[in-house]
Amino acid sequence: MAVRNLVDTIRDTLHQEMARDPRIVVLGEDVGVAGGVFRATAGLLSAFGEHRVIDTPLAESGIVGVAIGLSLNGMVPVAEIQFADFIHSALDQLISEAARIRYRSNGDFYCPLVVRVPYGGAIHGGLYHSQSVEALFAHVPGLRVVAPSTPYDAAGMLRAAIRCQDPVIFLEHKAVYRLVKEEVPDEEYTVPLDRAAVRKEGSRLTLLTYGLMLHHSLAVAQELEREGVSVEVIDLRSLAPLDKETILGSVRKTGRALIVHEDNLTGGLGGEVAAIIVQEAFDSLDAPVTRLAGEDVPAFPFAPPLEEAAIPNREKILAAIQELAAY
């Protein structure tokens, strides 16, 4: 057992899995010699060599296309997209190919593939290094989408993703890479790719979130607990498929639901979560389902005051909880 942050845990887990299974190949821009822009693949090249840790050209469609080919030929590729903002040129490979292979072959072929995607704002990354793309991929049947928010989950879910027979979009919030540290077991374990986690139990309302917003939400919920407002915090962590059982169980207990995410409000994942709650737990609701999300702006602003205004923060979460609790 060692205390690790999220990015170190990802690197250590990749090393352990590559040592366990010689079929695993890591590929992406600067993942080899440079060890990745966030150092998530540092040391892998010297440990496993250039045939298993491959620096690719700056071509995301090529990275994912090669990874699909490797997968169909018996390898287990872990592809890194350097920033979520650059993934769009690979959409055709991911949506039209990777997500469809099992279905179109009637189960004769599988596409075990992990695509690691650093995402999210609050790092002063500006327009092209701050996007949240989870709703885009959660919309696609055939893709699994996960967003671990803690080091423990990062290790367990990365192992589960590597060992999964389906393509997995593995989202890593850049602002969380070194924000949180916790004890991570040295032995192998997995975390299911289809289950949410109750991070804090409560009775007054349910707050559903993931990524950086989880840590902001937990801080606010702990503060409100001292004031007598009991908030249950659910870490969705599996975005496709969503864990309806945990979501509905919590909302039926509390009668109120607040969904917080960094992605844009319109078309964001919160709309799907809200629809599930309204359709299947309407009779349990004591207040309207509420969403707090990123502003509907075309791109993430660079200026710090505008960046702060564009996404939820602790002050906004606090205000949303207080308003919903008082309804």
C-alpha atoms as a PDB file:
ATOM      1  CA  MET A   1       0.000   0.000   0.000  1.00  0.00           C
ATOM      2  CA  ALA A   2       1.394   3.383  -1.018  1.00  0.00           C
ATOM      3  CA  VAL A   3       0.071   6.930  -1.126  1.00  0.00           C
ATOM      4  CA  ARG A   4      -0.210   8.047  -4.744  1.00  0.00           C
ATOM      5  CA  ASN A   5      -1.824  10.767  -6.798  1.00  0.00           C
ATOM      6  CA  LEU A   6      -3.927  10.016  -9.864  1.00  0.00           C
ATOM      7  CA  VAL A   7      -1.313  10.422 -12.596  1.00  0.00           C
ATOM      8  CA  ASP A   8       1.291   8.362 -10.735  1.00  0.00           C
ATOM      9  CA  THR A   9      -1.315   5.657 -10.186  1.00  0.00           C
ATOM     10  CA  ILE A  10      -2.099   5.516 -13.900  1.00  0.00           C
ATOM     11  CA  ARG A  11       1.591   5.190 -14.752  1.00  0.00           C
ATOM     12  CA  ASP A  12       2.160   2.479 -12.141  1.00  0.00           C
ATOM     13  CA  THR A  13      -0.907   0.553 -13.273  1.00  0.00           C
ATOM     14  CA  LEU A  14       0.162   0.675 -16.918  1.00  0.00           C
ATOM     15  CA  HIS A  15       3.558  -0.701 -15.891  1.00  0.00           C
ATOM     16  CA  GLN A  16       1.983  -3.522 -13.879  1.00  0.00           C
ATOM     17  CA  GLU A  17      -0.431  -4.477 -16.641  1.00  0.00           C
ATOM     18  CA  MET A  18       2.247  -4.406 -19.343  1.00  0.00           C
ATOM     19  CA  ALA A  19       4.426  -6.676 -17.209  1.00  0.00           C
ATOM     20  CA  ARG A  20       1.480  -9.020 -16.736  1.00  0.00           C
ATOM     21  CA  ASP A  21       0.365  -9.208 -20.370  1.00  0.00           C
ATOM     22  CA  PRO A  22       2.886  -8.982 -23.248  1.00  0.00           C
ATOM     23  CA  ARG A  23       0.049  -8.213 -25.674  1.00  0.00           C
ATOM     24  CA  ILE A  24      -0.444  -4.718 -24.223  1.00  0.00           C
ATOM     25  CA  VAL A  25       0.924  -1.909 -26.404  1.00  0.00           C
ATOM     26  CA  VAL A  26       0.960   1.801 -25.507  1.00  0.00           C
ATOM     27  CA  LEU A  27       0.862   4.308 -28.353  1.00  0.00           C
ATOM     28  CA  GLY A  28       0.367   8.024 -28.800  1.00  0.00           C
ATOM     29  CA  GLU A  29       2.069  11.359 -29.234  1.00  0.00           C
ATOM     30  CA  ASP A  30       5.185  11.699 -27.036  1.00  0.00           C
ATOM     31  CA  VAL A  31       4.301   8.682 -24.886  1.00  0.00           C
ATOM     32  CA  GLY A  32       7.745   7.122 -25.326  1.00  0.00           C
ATOM     33  CA  VAL A  33      10.877   9.247 -25.137  1.00  0.00           C
ATOM     34  CA  ALA A  34       9.127  12.168 -23.411  1.00  0.00           C
ATOM     35  CA  GLY A  35       6.983   9.986 -21.142  1.00  0.00           C
ATOM     36  CA  GLY A  36       3.832  11.917 -22.059  1.00  0.00           C
ATOM     37  CA  VAL A  37       3.074  15.589 -21.540  1.00  0.00           C
ATOM     38  CA  PHE A  38       1.687  14.766 -18.075  1.00  0.00           C
ATOM     39  CA  ARG A  39       4.342  12.066 -17.390  1.00  0.00           C
ATOM     40  CA  ALA A  40       1.696   9.343 -17.326  1.00  0.00           C
ATOM     41  CA  THR A  41       3.865   7.010 -19.441  1.00  0.00           C
ATOM     42  CA  ALA A  42       7.283   7.947 -18.057  1.00  0.00           C
ATOM     43  CA  GLY A  43       9.631   4.957 -17.802  1.00  0.00           C
ATOM     44  CA  LEU A  44       7.544   2.619 -19.940  1.00  0.00           C
ATOM     45  CA  LEU A  45       9.827   2.896 -22.980  1.00  0.00           C
ATOM     46  CA  SER A  46      12.941   1.882 -21.049  1.00  0.00           C
ATOM     47  CA  ALA A  47      11.039  -0.945 -19.356  1.00  0.00           C
ATOM     48  CA  PHE A  48       9.281  -2.444 -22.382  1.00  0.00           C
ATOM     49  CA  GLY A  49      11.030  -1.136 -25.500  1.00  0.00           C
ATOM     50  CA  GLU A  50      10.023   0.664 -28.660  1.00  0.00           C
ATOM     51  CA  HIS A  51       7.913  -2.202 -30.015  1.00  0.00           C
ATOM     52  CA  ARG A  52       5.468  -1.876 -27.104  1.00  0.00           C
ATOM     53  CA  VAL A  53       5.709   1.864 -26.378  1.00  0.00           C
ATOM     54  CA  ILE A  54       5.246   3.667 -29.673  1.00  0.00           C
ATOM     55  CA  ASP A  55       5.633   7.366 -30.373  1.00  0.00           C
ATOM     56  CA  THR A  56       3.207   8.211 -33.151  1.00  0.00           C
ATOM     57  CA  PRO A  57       2.824  11.125 -35.573  1.00  0.00           C
ATOM     58  CA  LEU A  58       0.480  13.971 -34.647  1.00  0.00           C
ATOM     59  CA  ALA A  59      -2.533  12.260 -36.196  1.00  0.00           C
ATOM     60  CA  GLU A  60      -5.297  11.173 -33.836  1.00  0.00           C
ATOM     61  CA  SER A  61      -7.236   9.334 -36.557  1.00  0.00           C
ATOM     62  CA  GLY A  62      -4.083   7.346 -37.256  1.00  0.00           C
ATOM     63  CA  ILE A  63      -3.458   6.613 -33.582  1.00  0.00           C
ATOM     64  CA  VAL A  64      -6.928   5.179 -33.080  1.00  0.00           C
ATOM     65  CA  GLY A  65      -6.990   3.449 -36.477  1.00  0.00           C
ATOM     66  CA  VAL A  66      -3.693   1.682 -35.766  1.00  0.00           C
ATOM     67  CA  ALA A  67      -4.964   0.762 -32.291  1.00  0.00           C
ATOM     68  CA  ILE A  68      -8.083  -0.820 -33.796  1.00  0.00           C
ATOM     69  CA  GLY A  69      -5.913  -2.814 -36.190  1.00  0.00           C
ATOM     70  CA  LEU A  70      -3.714  -3.981 -33.337  1.00  0.00           C
ATOM     71  CA  SER A  71      -6.777  -5.012 -31.364  1.00  0.00           C
ATOM     72  CA  LEU A  72      -8.238  -7.039 -34.228  1.00  0.00           C
ATOM     73  CA  ASN A  73      -4.916  -8.855 -34.538  1.00  0.00           C
ATOM     74  CA  GLY A  74      -4.737 -10.029 -30.949  1.00  0.00           C
ATOM     75  CA  MET A  75      -2.970  -7.127 -29.237  1.00  0.00           C
ATOM     76  CA  VAL A  76      -4.377  -5.017 -26.388  1.00  0.00           C
ATOM     77  CA  PRO A  77      -3.686  -1.378 -27.291  1.00  0.00           C
ATOM     78  CA  VAL A  78      -3.789   1.544 -24.855  1.00  0.00           C
ATOM     79  CA  ALA A  79      -3.871   4.675 -26.993  1.00  0.00           C
ATOM     80  CA  GLU A  80      -3.302   8.126 -25.540  1.00  0.00           C
ATOM     81  CA  ILE A  81      -4.927  11.219 -27.010  1.00  0.00           C
ATOM     82  CA  GLN A  82      -2.746  14.022 -25.708  1.00  0.00           C
ATOM     83  CA  PHE A  83      -5.686  16.341 -24.975  1.00  0.00           C
ATOM     84  CA  ALA A  84      -9.424  15.709 -25.348  1.00  0.00           C
ATOM     85  CA  ASP A  85      -9.578  18.742 -27.606  1.00  0.00           C
ATOM     86  CA  PHE A  86      -7.644  16.828 -30.279  1.00  0.00           C
ATOM     87  CA  ILE A  87      -9.809  13.700 -30.335  1.00  0.00           C
ATOM     88  CA  HIS A  88     -12.353  14.899 -32.875  1.00  0.00           C
ATOM     89  CA  SER A  89     -10.338  13.861 -35.909  1.00  0.00           C
ATOM     90  CA  ALA A  90     -10.554  10.291 -34.576  1.00  0.00           C
ATOM     91  CA  LEU A  91     -14.345  10.266 -34.234  1.00  0.00           C
ATOM     92  CA  ASP A  92     -14.929   8.252 -37.379  1.00  0.00           C
ATOM     93  CA  GLN A  93     -12.539   5.539 -36.216  1.00  0.00           C
ATOM     94  CA  LEU A  94     -14.080   5.427 -32.751  1.00  0.00           C
ATOM     95  CA  ILE A  95     -17.763   5.752 -33.648  1.00  0.00           C
ATOM     96  CA  SER A  96     -17.995   4.074 -37.055  1.00  0.00           C
ATOM     97  CA  GLU A  97     -15.403   1.358 -36.440  1.00  0.00           C
ATOM     98  CA  ALA A  98     -14.432   0.540 -32.830  1.00  0.00           C
ATOM     99  CA  ALA A  99     -17.946   0.905 -31.413  1.00  0.00           C
ATOM    100  CA  ARG A 100     -19.549  -1.179 -34.174  1.00  0.00           C
ATOM    101  CA  ILE A 101     -17.175  -4.123 -34.619  1.00  0.00           C
ATOM    102  CA  ARG A 102     -18.774  -6.514 -32.139  1.00  0.00           C
ATOM    103  CA  TYR A 103     -22.292  -5.660 -33.347  1.00  0.00           C
ATOM    104  CA  ARG A 104     -21.655  -5.784 -37.072  1.00  0.00           C
ATOM    105  CA  SER A 105     -19.801  -9.119 -36.786  1.00  0.00           C
ATOM    106  CA  ASN A 106     -22.593 -10.648 -34.680  1.00  0.00           C
ATOM    107  CA  GLY A 107     -20.078 -11.232 -31.884  1.00  0.00           C
ATOM    108  CA  ASP A 108     -17.447 -12.919 -34.029  1.00  0.00           C
ATOM    109  CA  PHE A 109     -14.964 -10.060 -33.498  1.00  0.00           C
ATOM    110  CA  TYR A 110     -14.161  -7.922 -30.486  1.00  0.00           C
ATOM    111  CA  CYS A 111     -12.257  -4.671 -30.138  1.00  0.00           C
ATOM    112  CA  PRO A 112     -10.494  -4.562 -26.752  1.00  0.00           C
ATOM    113  CA  LEU A 113      -9.105  -1.048 -26.791  1.00  0.00           C
ATOM    114  CA  VAL A 114      -8.473   1.671 -24.201  1.00  0.00           C
ATOM    115  CA  VAL A 115      -8.289   5.294 -25.293  1.00  0.00           C
ATOM    116  CA  ARG A 116      -6.865   7.452 -22.503  1.00  0.00           C
ATOM    117  CA  VAL A 117      -8.114  11.026 -22.767  1.00  0.00           C
ATOM    118  CA  PRO A 118      -6.944  13.885 -20.497  1.00  0.00           C
ATOM    119  CA  TYR A 119      -9.896  16.300 -20.374  1.00  0.00           C
ATOM    120  CA  GLY A 120     -11.359  19.269 -18.536  1.00  0.00           C
ATOM    121  CA  GLY A 121     -10.714  22.884 -17.664  1.00  0.00           C
ATOM    122  CA  ALA A 122      -9.632  24.887 -14.631  1.00  0.00           C
ATOM    123  CA  ILE A 123      -5.964  24.619 -15.661  1.00  0.00           C
ATOM    124  CA  HIS A 124      -5.736  27.855 -17.692  1.00  0.00           C
ATOM    125  CA  GLY A 125      -5.502  25.813 -20.859  1.00  0.00           C
ATOM    126  CA  GLY A 126      -7.597  28.095 -23.023  1.00  0.00           C
ATOM    127  CA  LEU A 127      -9.631  27.171 -26.055  1.00  0.00           C
ATOM    128  CA  TYR A 128      -7.791  24.068 -27.240  1.00  0.00           C
ATOM    129  CA  HIS A 129      -6.692  22.369 -24.019  1.00  0.00           C
ATOM    130  CA  SER A 130      -9.778  22.471 -21.800  1.00  0.00           C
ATOM    131  CA  GLN A 131     -12.700  20.653 -23.392  1.00  0.00           C
ATOM    132  CA  SER A 132     -14.986  18.093 -21.805  1.00  0.00           C
ATOM    133  CA  VAL A 133     -16.072  15.537 -24.421  1.00  0.00           C
ATOM    134  CA  GLU A 134     -17.782  12.848 -22.361  1.00  0.00           C
ATOM    135  CA  ALA A 135     -21.346  13.427 -23.598  1.00  0.00           C
ATOM    136  CA  LEU A 136     -20.232  12.979 -27.197  1.00  0.00           C
ATOM    137  CA  PHE A 137     -18.987   9.449 -26.542  1.00  0.00           C
ATOM    138  CA  ALA A 138     -21.590   8.454 -23.935  1.00  0.00           C
ATOM    139  CA  HIS A 139     -24.128   8.887 -26.736  1.00  0.00           C
ATOM    140  CA  VAL A 140     -22.564   6.050 -28.781  1.00  0.00           C
ATOM    141  CA  PRO A 141     -23.718   2.453 -28.160  1.00  0.00           C
ATOM    142  CA  GLY A 142     -20.757   0.097 -28.207  1.00  0.00           C
ATOM    143  CA  LEU A 143     -18.397   2.425 -26.343  1.00  0.00           C
ATOM    144  CA  ARG A 144     -17.841   2.358 -22.608  1.00  0.00           C
ATOM    145  CA  VAL A 145     -17.025   5.724 -21.057  1.00  0.00           C
ATOM    146  CA  VAL A 146     -15.498   6.049 -17.590  1.00  0.00           C
ATOM    147  CA  ALA A 147     -14.137   8.990 -15.617  1.00  0.00           C
ATOM    148  CA  PRO A 148     -12.338   7.954 -12.412  1.00  0.00           C
ATOM    149  CA  SER A 149     -11.908  10.803  -9.939  1.00  0.00           C
ATOM    150  CA  THR A 150      -9.654   9.162  -7.337  1.00  0.00           C
ATOM    151  CA  PRO A 151      -6.331   7.298  -7.507  1.00  0.00           C
ATOM    152  CA  TYR A 152      -7.919   4.110  -6.157  1.00  0.00           C
ATOM    153  CA  ASP A 153     -10.555   4.146  -8.875  1.00  0.00           C
ATOM    154  CA  ALA A 154      -8.025   5.094 -11.552  1.00  0.00           C
ATOM    155  CA  ALA A 155      -6.028   1.936 -10.888  1.00  0.00           C
ATOM    156  CA  GLY A 156      -9.008  -0.387 -10.589  1.00  0.00           C
ATOM    157  CA  MET A 157     -10.882   1.001 -13.554  1.00  0.00           C
ATOM    158  CA  LEU A 158      -7.796   1.122 -15.799  1.00  0.00           C
ATOM    159  CA  ARG A 159      -7.151  -2.567 -15.095  1.00  0.00           C
ATOM    160  CA  ALA A 160     -10.793  -3.357 -15.784  1.00  0.00           C
ATOM    161  CA  ALA A 161     -10.702  -1.303 -18.999  1.00  0.00           C
ATOM    162  CA  ILE A 162      -7.575  -3.055 -20.266  1.00  0.00           C
ATOM    163  CA  ARG A 163      -9.150  -6.447 -19.567  1.00  0.00           C
ATOM    164  CA  CYS A 164     -12.517  -5.503 -21.095  1.00  0.00           C
ATOM    165  CA  GLN A 165     -13.562  -6.878 -24.489  1.00  0.00           C
ATOM    166  CA  ASP A 166     -15.154  -3.557 -25.503  1.00  0.00           C
ATOM    167  CA  PRO A 167     -13.523  -0.251 -26.458  1.00  0.00           C
ATOM    168  CA  VAL A 168     -13.273   2.051 -23.420  1.00  0.00           C
ATOM    169  CA  ILE A 169     -12.914   5.834 -23.420  1.00  0.00           C
ATOM    170  CA  PHE A 170     -10.899   6.431 -20.240  1.00  0.00           C
ATOM    171  CA  LEU A 171     -11.255  10.064 -19.179  1.00  0.00           C
ATOM    172  CA  GLU A 172      -8.645  11.602 -16.865  1.00  0.00           C
ATOM    173  CA  HIS A 173      -9.295  15.106 -15.546  1.00  0.00           C
ATOM    174  CA  LYS A 174      -6.096  17.097 -15.875  1.00  0.00           C
ATOM    175  CA  ALA A 175      -6.790  19.243 -12.822  1.00  0.00           C
ATOM    176  CA  VAL A 176      -7.215  16.104 -10.693  1.00  0.00           C
ATOM    177  CA  TYR A 177      -3.931  14.471 -11.781  1.00  0.00           C
ATOM    178  CA  ARG A 178      -2.035  15.855  -8.772  1.00  0.00           C
ATOM    179  CA  LEU A 179      -4.893  17.285  -6.722  1.00  0.00           C
ATOM    180  CA  VAL A 180      -5.778  14.202  -4.682  1.00  0.00           C
ATOM    181  CA  LYS A 181      -3.605  11.594  -2.970  1.00  0.00           C
ATOM    182  CA  GLU A 182      -4.744   8.420  -1.249  1.00  0.00           C
ATOM    183  CA  GLU A 183      -3.558   4.942  -0.377  1.00  0.00           C
ATOM    184  CA  VAL A 184      -3.591   2.582  -3.352  1.00  0.00           C
ATOM    185  CA  PRO A 185      -3.058  -1.158  -2.813  1.00  0.00           C
ATOM    186  CA  ASP A 186       0.019  -2.690  -4.411  1.00  0.00           C
ATOM    187  CA  GLU A 187      -1.839  -5.893  -5.270  1.00  0.00           C
ATOM    188  CA  GLU A 188      -4.048  -6.233  -8.327  1.00  0.00           C
ATOM    189  CA  TYR A 189      -7.714  -5.292  -8.051  1.00  0.00           C
ATOM    190  CA  THR A 190     -10.381  -4.031 -10.431  1.00  0.00           C
ATOM    191  CA  VAL A 191     -13.267  -1.595 -10.118  1.00  0.00           C
ATOM    192  CA  PRO A 192     -16.400  -2.371 -12.182  1.00  0.00           C
ATOM    193  CA  LEU A 193     -16.928  -0.226 -15.266  1.00  0.00           C
ATOM    194  CA  ASP A 194     -20.677   0.037 -14.728  1.00  0.00           C
ATOM    195  CA  ARG A 195     -21.084   1.133 -11.111  1.00  0.00           C
ATOM    196  CA  ALA A 196     -21.328   4.514  -9.430  1.00  0.00           C
ATOM    197  CA  ALA A 197     -19.957   5.118  -5.932  1.00  0.00           C
ATOM    198  CA  VAL A 198     -21.588   6.758  -2.927  1.00  0.00           C
ATOM    199  CA  ARG A 199     -18.834   9.098  -1.725  1.00  0.00           C
ATOM    200  CA  LYS A 200     -20.863  10.618   1.108  1.00  0.00           C
ATOM    201  CA  GLU A 201     -24.169   9.488   2.531  1.00  0.00           C
ATOM    202  CA  GLY A 202     -26.886  12.038   3.199  1.00  0.00           C
ATOM    203  CA  SER A 203     -30.644  12.479   3.547  1.00  0.00           C
ATOM    204  CA  ARG A 204     -31.657  15.962   2.381  1.00  0.00           C
ATOM    205  CA  LEU A 205     -30.718  15.781  -1.306  1.00  0.00           C
ATOM    206  CA  THR A 206     -28.657  13.802  -3.808  1.00  0.00           C
ATOM    207  CA  LEU A 207     -25.776  15.435  -5.680  1.00  0.00           C
ATOM    208  CA  LEU A 208     -24.640  13.479  -8.749  1.00  0.00           C
ATOM    209  CA  THR A 209     -21.311  14.376 -10.307  1.00  0.00           C
ATOM    210  CA  TYR A 210     -17.880  13.176 -11.518  1.00  0.00           C
ATOM    211  CA  GLY A 211     -14.391  14.415 -12.334  1.00  0.00           C
ATOM    212  CA  LEU A 212     -13.110  17.631 -10.781  1.00  0.00           C
ATOM    213  CA  MET A 213     -16.647  18.547  -9.761  1.00  0.00           C
ATOM    214  CA  LEU A 214     -16.717  15.566  -7.391  1.00  0.00           C
ATOM    215  CA  HIS A 215     -14.000  17.091  -5.230  1.00  0.00           C
ATOM    216  CA  HIS A 216     -15.630  20.527  -5.229  1.00  0.00           C
ATOM    217  CA  SER A 217     -18.971  18.923  -4.361  1.00  0.00           C
ATOM    218  CA  LEU A 218     -17.566  16.857  -1.502  1.00  0.00           C
ATOM    219  CA  ALA A 219     -15.926  19.920   0.025  1.00  0.00           C
ATOM    220  CA  VAL A 220     -19.209  21.845  -0.098  1.00  0.00           C
ATOM    221  CA  ALA A 221     -21.210  18.889   1.216  1.00  0.00           C
ATOM    222  CA  GLN A 222     -18.893  18.491   4.210  1.00  0.00           C
ATOM    223  CA  GLU A 223     -19.252  22.196   4.966  1.00  0.00           C
ATOM    224  CA  LEU A 224     -23.043  22.047   4.780  1.00  0.00           C
ATOM    225  CA  GLU A 225     -23.148  18.948   6.997  1.00  0.00           C
ATOM    226  CA  ARG A 226     -21.917  21.107   9.848  1.00  0.00           C
ATOM    227  CA  GLU A 227     -24.845  23.457   9.188  1.00  0.00           C
ATOM    228  CA  GLY A 228     -27.406  20.661   9.284  1.00  0.00           C
ATOM    229  CA  VAL A 229     -27.890  20.157   5.534  1.00  0.00           C
ATOM    230  CA  SER A 230     -27.235  16.501   4.740  1.00  0.00           C
ATOM    231  CA  VAL A 231     -26.109  15.965   1.142  1.00  0.00           C
ATOM    232  CA  GLU A 232     -25.552  12.537  -0.422  1.00  0.00           C
ATOM    233  CA  VAL A 233     -22.759  12.733  -3.019  1.00  0.00           C
ATOM    234  CA  ILE A 234     -22.735  10.178  -5.836  1.00  0.00           C
ATOM    235  CA  ASP A 235     -19.641   9.792  -8.019  1.00  0.00           C
ATOM    236  CA  LEU A 236     -21.102   8.601 -11.315  1.00  0.00           C
ATOM    237  CA  ARG A 237     -17.608   7.551 -12.568  1.00  0.00           C
ATOM    238  CA  SER A 238     -19.216   5.199 -15.127  1.00  0.00           C
ATOM    239  CA  LEU A 239     -20.780   7.528 -17.693  1.00  0.00           C
ATOM    240  CA  ALA A 240     -21.740   4.847 -20.202  1.00  0.00           C
ATOM    241  CA  PRO A 241     -23.401   2.743 -19.036  1.00  0.00           C
ATOM    242  CA  LEU A 242     -24.873   4.800 -16.210  1.00  0.00           C
ATOM    243  CA  ASP A 243     -25.564   3.033 -12.916  1.00  0.00           C
ATOM    244  CA  LYS A 244     -29.322   3.567 -12.768  1.00  0.00           C
ATOM    245  CA  GLU A 245     -29.704   1.443  -9.636  1.00  0.00           C
ATOM    246  CA  THR A 246     -27.453   3.664  -7.511  1.00  0.00           C
ATOM    247  CA  ILE A 247     -28.820   6.884  -9.013  1.00  0.00           C
ATOM    248  CA  LEU A 248     -32.455   5.982  -8.460  1.00  0.00           C
ATOM    249  CA  GLY A 249     -31.864   4.421  -5.049  1.00  0.00           C
ATOM    250  CA  SER A 250     -30.327   7.628  -3.748  1.00  0.00           C
ATOM    251  CA  VAL A 251     -32.938   9.948  -5.237  1.00  0.00           C
ATOM    252  CA  ARG A 252     -35.799   7.826  -3.908  1.00  0.00           C
ATOM    253  CA  LYS A 253     -34.231   8.199  -0.461  1.00  0.00           C
ATOM    254  CA  THR A 254     -33.646  11.957  -0.523  1.00  0.00           C
ATOM    255  CA  GLY A 255     -36.398  13.204  -2.860  1.00  0.00           C
ATOM    256  CA  ARG A 256     -34.162  15.820  -4.452  1.00  0.00           C
ATOM    257  CA  ALA A 257     -31.506  15.654  -7.163  1.00  0.00           C
ATOM    258  CA  LEU A 258     -28.797  18.097  -8.215  1.00  0.00           C
ATOM    259  CA  ILE A 259     -26.576  17.116 -11.145  1.00  0.00           C
ATOM    260  CA  VAL A 260     -23.238  18.918 -11.431  1.00  0.00           C
ATOM    261  CA  HIS A 261     -20.855  18.636 -14.367  1.00  0.00           C
ATOM    262  CA  GLU A 262     -18.265  20.735 -16.147  1.00  0.00           C
ATOM    263  CA  ASP A 263     -19.391  20.037 -19.702  1.00  0.00           C
ATOM    264  CA  ASN A 264     -21.875  22.389 -21.396  1.00  0.00           C
ATOM    265  CA  LEU A 265     -25.413  22.362 -20.025  1.00  0.00           C
ATOM    266  CA  THR A 266     -27.144  21.802 -23.355  1.00  0.00           C
ATOM    267  CA  GLY A 267     -26.698  18.211 -24.492  1.00  0.00           C
ATOM    268  CA  GLY A 268     -24.531  17.418 -21.478  1.00  0.00           C
ATOM    269  CA  LEU A 269     -24.691  14.134 -19.591  1.00  0.00           C
ATOM    270  CA  GLY A 270     -26.790  15.755 -16.886  1.00  0.00           C
ATOM    271  CA  GLY A 271     -29.766  15.825 -19.215  1.00  0.00           C
ATOM    272  CA  GLU A 272     -29.703  12.026 -19.539  1.00  0.00           C
ATOM    273  CA  VAL A 273     -29.360  11.573 -15.777  1.00  0.00           C
ATOM    274  CA  ALA A 274     -32.265  13.966 -15.227  1.00  0.00           C
ATOM    275  CA  ALA A 275     -34.415  12.066 -17.728  1.00  0.00           C
ATOM    276  CA  ILE A 276     -33.754   8.772 -15.947  1.00  0.00           C
ATOM    277  CA  ILE A 277     -34.752  10.280 -12.602  1.00  0.00           C
ATOM    278  CA  VAL A 278     -37.916  11.943 -13.906  1.00  0.00           C
ATOM    279  CA  GLN A 279     -39.040   8.882 -15.827  1.00  0.00           C
ATOM    280  CA  GLU A 280     -38.344   6.275 -13.145  1.00  0.00           C
ATOM    281  CA  ALA A 281     -38.473   8.108  -9.801  1.00  0.00           C
ATOM    282  CA  PHE A 282     -40.964  10.926 -10.414  1.00  0.00           C
ATOM    283  CA  ASP A 283     -43.217   9.912  -7.542  1.00  0.00           C
ATOM    284  CA  SER A 284     -40.291  10.217  -5.126  1.00  0.00           C
ATOM    285  CA  LEU A 285     -39.375  13.795  -6.046  1.00  0.00           C
ATOM    286  CA  ASP A 286     -40.065  16.676  -3.669  1.00  0.00           C
ATOM    287  CA  ALA A 287     -38.510  19.289  -5.969  1.00  0.00           C
ATOM    288  CA  PRO A 288     -37.574  19.734  -9.631  1.00  0.00           C
ATOM    289  CA  VAL A 289     -34.441  17.933 -10.821  1.00  0.00           C
ATOM    290  CA  THR A 290     -31.753  20.601 -11.036  1.00  0.00           C
ATOM    291  CA  ARG A 291     -28.645  20.866 -13.231  1.00  0.00           C
ATOM    292  CA  LEU A 292     -25.536  22.972 -12.672  1.00  0.00           C
ATOM    293  CA  ALA A 293     -23.123  22.799 -15.582  1.00  0.00           C
ATOM    294  CA  GLY A 294     -20.682  24.649 -17.775  1.00  0.00           C
ATOM    295  CA  GLU A 295     -21.912  27.628 -19.721  1.00  0.00           C
ATOM    296  CA  ASP A 296     -22.984  27.133 -23.339  1.00  0.00           C
ATOM    297  CA  VAL A 297     -20.036  28.960 -24.866  1.00  0.00           C
ATOM    298  CA  PRO A 298     -18.318  27.860 -28.098  1.00  0.00           C
ATOM    299  CA  ALA A 299     -14.908  27.385 -26.470  1.00  0.00           C
ATOM    300  CA  PHE A 300     -13.282  27.521 -23.078  1.00  0.00           C
ATOM    301  CA  PRO A 301     -12.008  31.020 -22.274  1.00  0.00           C
ATOM    302  CA  PHE A 302      -8.389  31.703 -21.406  1.00  0.00           C
ATOM    303  CA  ALA A 303      -8.791  34.816 -19.241  1.00  0.00           C
ATOM    304  CA  PRO A 304      -8.955  33.653 -15.604  1.00  0.00           C
ATOM    305  CA  PRO A 305     -12.137  35.600 -14.694  1.00  0.00           C
ATOM    306  CA  LEU A 306     -13.932  34.204 -17.750  1.00  0.00           C
ATOM    307  CA  GLU A 307     -12.606  30.709 -17.080  1.00  0.00           C
ATOM    308  CA  GLU A 308     -13.971  30.911 -13.545  1.00  0.00           C
ATOM    309  CA  ALA A 309     -17.330  32.093 -14.881  1.00  0.00           C
ATOM    310  CA  ALA A 310     -17.581  29.323 -17.473  1.00  0.00           C
ATOM    311  CA  ILE A 311     -17.737  26.292 -15.157  1.00  0.00           C
ATOM    312  CA  PRO A 312     -19.215  25.412 -11.767  1.00  0.00           C
ATOM    313  CA  ASN A 313     -17.154  26.142  -8.676  1.00  0.00           C
ATOM    314  CA  ARG A 314     -17.688  25.673  -4.961  1.00  0.00           C
ATOM    315  CA  GLU A 315     -19.619  28.920  -4.587  1.00  0.00           C
ATOM    316  CA  LYS A 316     -22.024  27.983  -7.386  1.00  0.00           C
ATOM    317  CA  ILE A 317     -22.459  24.463  -6.024  1.00  0.00           C
ATOM    318  CA  LEU A 318     -23.175  25.826  -2.540  1.00  0.00           C
ATOM    319  CA  ALA A 319     -25.820  28.195  -3.891  1.00  0.00           C
ATOM    320  CA  ALA A 320     -27.465  25.445  -5.965  1.00  0.00           C
ATOM    321  CA  ILE A 321     -27.629  23.086  -2.987  1.00  0.00           C
ATOM    322  CA  GLN A 322     -29.080  25.747  -0.701  1.00  0.00           C
ATOM    323  CA  GLU A 323     -31.738  26.687  -3.232  1.00  0.00           C
ATOM    324  CA  LEU A 324     -32.754  23.078  -3.856  1.00  0.00           C
ATOM    325  CA  ALA A 325     -32.758  22.176  -0.157  1.00  0.00           C
ATOM    326  CA  ALA A 326     -35.033  25.110   0.581  1.00  0.00           C
ATOM    327  CA  TYR A 327     -37.548  24.335  -2.194  1.00  0.00           C
END
